[in-house]
Amino acid sequence: ATWQYSINGGTDFTNGTGNSFTLNEGTYNVDAIQIKQTDVAGNTSSVVKNVFVIVVDTTLPTTPIFSFTDTGSLSNDNITNNGTITVTGLEEDATWQYSINGGTDFTNGTGNSFT
């Protein structure tokens, strides 16, 4: 048997090899991805379609930035009595983690700060 797939709603089909194919980065709306199979007698199966939106995101997020409030006698002495670290540059809906021991252990962050 052979199989074909489409990523544009069935307009164009590509012959599949093995048992998988790779989607490029992007958004695939409902019914955009379609797969069908043809046996050696030429009988073609029903087409199966994706029933929900699929988003392929392979782009790395930007590197977050952290800051703290310097409460020392000089505005740039990096001394503080305020233990809150503020994190900016977080991608919407992304998860983030922080470490306070050089990267040995990480804790899941919430919101945009930790103490």
C-alpha atoms as a PDB file:
ATOM      1  CA  ALA A   1       0.000   0.000   0.000  1.00  0.00           C
ATOM      2  CA  THR A   2       1.010   3.601  -0.493  1.00  0.00           C
ATOM      3  CA  TRP A   3      -0.076   6.679   1.377  1.00  0.00           C
ATOM      4  CA  GLN A   4      -0.263  10.369   0.648  1.00  0.00           C
ATOM      5  CA  TYR A   5      -0.624  13.468   2.770  1.00  0.00           C
ATOM      6  CA  SER A   6      -1.747  17.031   2.195  1.00  0.00           C
ATOM      7  CA  ILE A   7      -1.026  20.106   4.297  1.00  0.00           C
ATOM      8  CA  ASN A   8      -3.239  22.467   2.290  1.00  0.00           C
ATOM      9  CA  GLY A   9      -6.697  21.013   2.750  1.00  0.00           C
ATOM     10  CA  GLY A  10      -6.417  18.362   0.053  1.00  0.00           C
ATOM     11  CA  THR A  11      -5.460  20.643  -2.832  1.00  0.00           C
ATOM     12  CA  ASP A  12      -2.104  18.898  -3.256  1.00  0.00           C
ATOM     13  CA  PHE A  13      -1.051  15.465  -1.995  1.00  0.00           C
ATOM     14  CA  THR A  14       2.538  14.271  -1.468  1.00  0.00           C
ATOM     15  CA  ASN A  15       3.592  10.617  -1.438  1.00  0.00           C
ATOM     16  CA  GLY A  16       4.497   9.547   2.069  1.00  0.00           C
ATOM     17  CA  THR A  17       7.460   7.390   3.025  1.00  0.00           C
ATOM     18  CA  GLY A  18       7.858   5.304   6.153  1.00  0.00           C
ATOM     19  CA  ASN A  19       5.153   6.066   8.667  1.00  0.00           C
ATOM     20  CA  SER A  20       5.504   9.792   9.366  1.00  0.00           C
ATOM     21  CA  PHE A  21       6.107  13.219   7.900  1.00  0.00           C
ATOM     22  CA  THR A  22       7.321  16.490   9.381  1.00  0.00           C
ATOM     23  CA  LEU A  23       5.252  19.649   9.474  1.00  0.00           C
ATOM     24  CA  ASN A  24       6.985  22.978   8.951  1.00  0.00           C
ATOM     25  CA  GLU A  25       6.565  25.709  11.521  1.00  0.00           C
ATOM     26  CA  GLY A  26       3.168  27.340  11.214  1.00  0.00           C
ATOM     27  CA  THR A  27      -0.525  27.041  11.985  1.00  0.00           C
ATOM     28  CA  TYR A  28      -2.615  24.309  10.397  1.00  0.00           C
ATOM     29  CA  ASN A  29      -6.351  24.956  10.593  1.00  0.00           C
ATOM     30  CA  VAL A  30      -8.983  22.243  10.961  1.00  0.00           C
ATOM     31  CA  ASP A  31      -9.008  19.928   7.876  1.00  0.00           C
ATOM     32  CA  ALA A  32      -5.708  21.353   6.533  1.00  0.00           C
ATOM     33  CA  ILE A  33      -3.809  18.110   7.139  1.00  0.00           C
ATOM     34  CA  GLN A  34      -5.210  15.129   5.294  1.00  0.00           C
ATOM     35  CA  ILE A  35      -3.962  11.562   4.857  1.00  0.00           C
ATOM     36  CA  LYS A  36      -5.183   8.763   2.615  1.00  0.00           C
ATOM     37  CA  GLN A  37      -3.972   5.274   1.705  1.00  0.00           C
ATOM     38  CA  THR A  38      -4.199   3.249  -1.509  1.00  0.00           C
ATOM     39  CA  ASP A  39      -3.845  -0.533  -1.525  1.00  0.00           C
ATOM     40  CA  VAL A  40      -2.210  -2.662  -4.258  1.00  0.00           C
ATOM     41  CA  ALA A  41      -5.588  -3.157  -5.960  1.00  0.00           C
ATOM     42  CA  GLY A  42      -5.999   0.620  -6.337  1.00  0.00           C
ATOM     43  CA  ASN A  43      -8.642   1.030  -3.633  1.00  0.00           C
ATOM     44  CA  THR A  44      -8.298   4.350  -1.831  1.00  0.00           C
ATOM     45  CA  SER A  45      -9.280   4.775   1.804  1.00  0.00           C
ATOM     46  CA  SER A  46     -11.361   7.562   3.219  1.00  0.00           C
ATOM     47  CA  VAL A  47      -9.374  10.698   3.957  1.00  0.00           C
ATOM     48  CA  VAL A  48      -8.563  11.370   7.604  1.00  0.00           C
ATOM     49  CA  LYS A  49      -8.295  15.059   8.583  1.00  0.00           C
ATOM     50  CA  ASN A  50      -7.076  16.970  11.613  1.00  0.00           C
ATOM     51  CA  VAL A  51     -10.049  17.948  13.779  1.00  0.00           C
ATOM     52  CA  PHE A  52      -8.354  20.760  15.709  1.00  0.00           C
ATOM     53  CA  VAL A  53      -5.904  23.558  14.934  1.00  0.00           C
ATOM     54  CA  ILE A  54      -2.267  22.439  15.093  1.00  0.00           C
ATOM     55  CA  VAL A  55       0.469  24.980  15.808  1.00  0.00           C
ATOM     56  CA  VAL A  56       4.087  24.004  15.165  1.00  0.00           C
ATOM     57  CA  ASP A  57       6.401  26.430  16.989  1.00  0.00           C
ATOM     58  CA  THR A  58      10.129  25.708  16.703  1.00  0.00           C
ATOM     59  CA  THR A  59      11.351  29.273  17.266  1.00  0.00           C
ATOM     60  CA  LEU A  60      13.298  29.803  20.474  1.00  0.00           C
ATOM     61  CA  PRO A  61      11.846  32.474  22.757  1.00  0.00           C
ATOM     62  CA  THR A  62      13.882  35.575  23.520  1.00  0.00           C
ATOM     63  CA  THR A  63      16.168  35.363  26.528  1.00  0.00           C
ATOM     64  CA  PRO A  64      14.386  36.783  29.585  1.00  0.00           C
ATOM     65  CA  ILE A  65      15.957  39.584  31.601  1.00  0.00           C
ATOM     66  CA  PHE A  66      15.928  39.829  35.378  1.00  0.00           C
ATOM     67  CA  SER A  67      16.394  42.857  37.585  1.00  0.00           C
ATOM     68  CA  PHE A  68      16.173  43.875  41.220  1.00  0.00           C
ATOM     69  CA  THR A  69      15.764  47.100  43.179  1.00  0.00           C
ATOM     70  CA  ASP A  70      19.115  48.405  44.417  1.00  0.00           C
ATOM     71  CA  THR A  71      18.473  49.736  47.946  1.00  0.00           C
ATOM     72  CA  GLY A  72      22.121  50.198  48.913  1.00  0.00           C
ATOM     73  CA  SER A  73      23.706  53.556  49.733  1.00  0.00           C
ATOM     74  CA  LEU A  74      24.760  53.901  46.079  1.00  0.00           C
ATOM     75  CA  SER A  75      22.346  53.392  43.203  1.00  0.00           C
ATOM     76  CA  ASN A  76      24.764  51.002  41.490  1.00  0.00           C
ATOM     77  CA  ASP A  77      26.389  49.069  44.347  1.00  0.00           C
ATOM     78  CA  ASN A  78      24.177  45.992  43.726  1.00  0.00           C
ATOM     79  CA  ILE A  79      23.192  45.835  47.392  1.00  0.00           C
ATOM     80  CA  THR A  80      19.549  45.370  48.290  1.00  0.00           C
ATOM     81  CA  ASN A  81      17.280  44.524  51.188  1.00  0.00           C
ATOM     82  CA  ASN A  82      14.447  43.769  48.740  1.00  0.00           C
ATOM     83  CA  GLY A  83      14.657  40.105  47.733  1.00  0.00           C
ATOM     84  CA  THR A  84      12.238  40.354  44.809  1.00  0.00           C
ATOM     85  CA  ILE A  85      13.679  39.584  41.372  1.00  0.00           C
ATOM     86  CA  THR A  86      11.575  40.882  38.472  1.00  0.00           C
ATOM     87  CA  VAL A  87      11.643  38.943  35.189  1.00  0.00           C
ATOM     88  CA  THR A  88      10.838  40.678  31.880  1.00  0.00           C
ATOM     89  CA  GLY A  89      10.840  39.580  28.254  1.00  0.00           C
ATOM     90  CA  LEU A  90       8.658  36.535  28.915  1.00  0.00           C
ATOM     91  CA  GLU A  91       6.789  35.149  25.907  1.00  0.00           C
ATOM     92  CA  GLU A  92       3.009  35.106  26.316  1.00  0.00           C
ATOM     93  CA  ASP A  93       1.750  31.741  27.606  1.00  0.00           C
ATOM     94  CA  ALA A  94       5.306  30.423  28.012  1.00  0.00           C
ATOM     95  CA  THR A  95       6.545  28.700  31.140  1.00  0.00           C
ATOM     96  CA  TRP A  96       9.752  29.777  32.849  1.00  0.00           C
ATOM     97  CA  GLN A  97      12.086  28.549  35.556  1.00  0.00           C
ATOM     98  CA  TYR A  98      14.748  30.081  37.754  1.00  0.00           C
ATOM     99  CA  SER A  99      17.741  28.810  39.689  1.00  0.00           C
ATOM    100  CA  ILE A 100      19.386  30.306  42.759  1.00  0.00           C
ATOM    101  CA  ASN A 101      22.236  27.780  42.935  1.00  0.00           C
ATOM    102  CA  GLY A 102      24.093  28.185  39.659  1.00  0.00           C
ATOM    103  CA  GLY A 103      21.761  26.058  37.566  1.00  0.00           C
ATOM    104  CA  THR A 104      21.901  22.873  39.650  1.00  0.00           C
ATOM    105  CA  ASP A 105      18.205  23.027  40.535  1.00  0.00           C
ATOM    106  CA  PHE A 106      15.371  24.930  38.857  1.00  0.00           C
ATOM    107  CA  THR A 107      12.019  26.084  40.232  1.00  0.00           C
ATOM    108  CA  ASN A 108       8.964  26.831  38.095  1.00  0.00           C
ATOM    109  CA  GLY A 109       8.272  30.552  38.005  1.00  0.00           C
ATOM    110  CA  THR A 110       4.842  32.171  38.170  1.00  0.00           C
ATOM    111  CA  GLY A 111       3.826  35.668  37.185  1.00  0.00           C
ATOM    112  CA  ASN A 112       6.876  37.816  36.499  1.00  0.00           C
ATOM    113  CA  SER A 113       8.867  37.748  39.736  1.00  0.00           C
ATOM    114  CA  PHE A 114      10.250  35.587  42.532  1.00  0.00           C
ATOM    115  CA  THR A 115      11.831  36.151  45.945  1.00  0.00           C
END
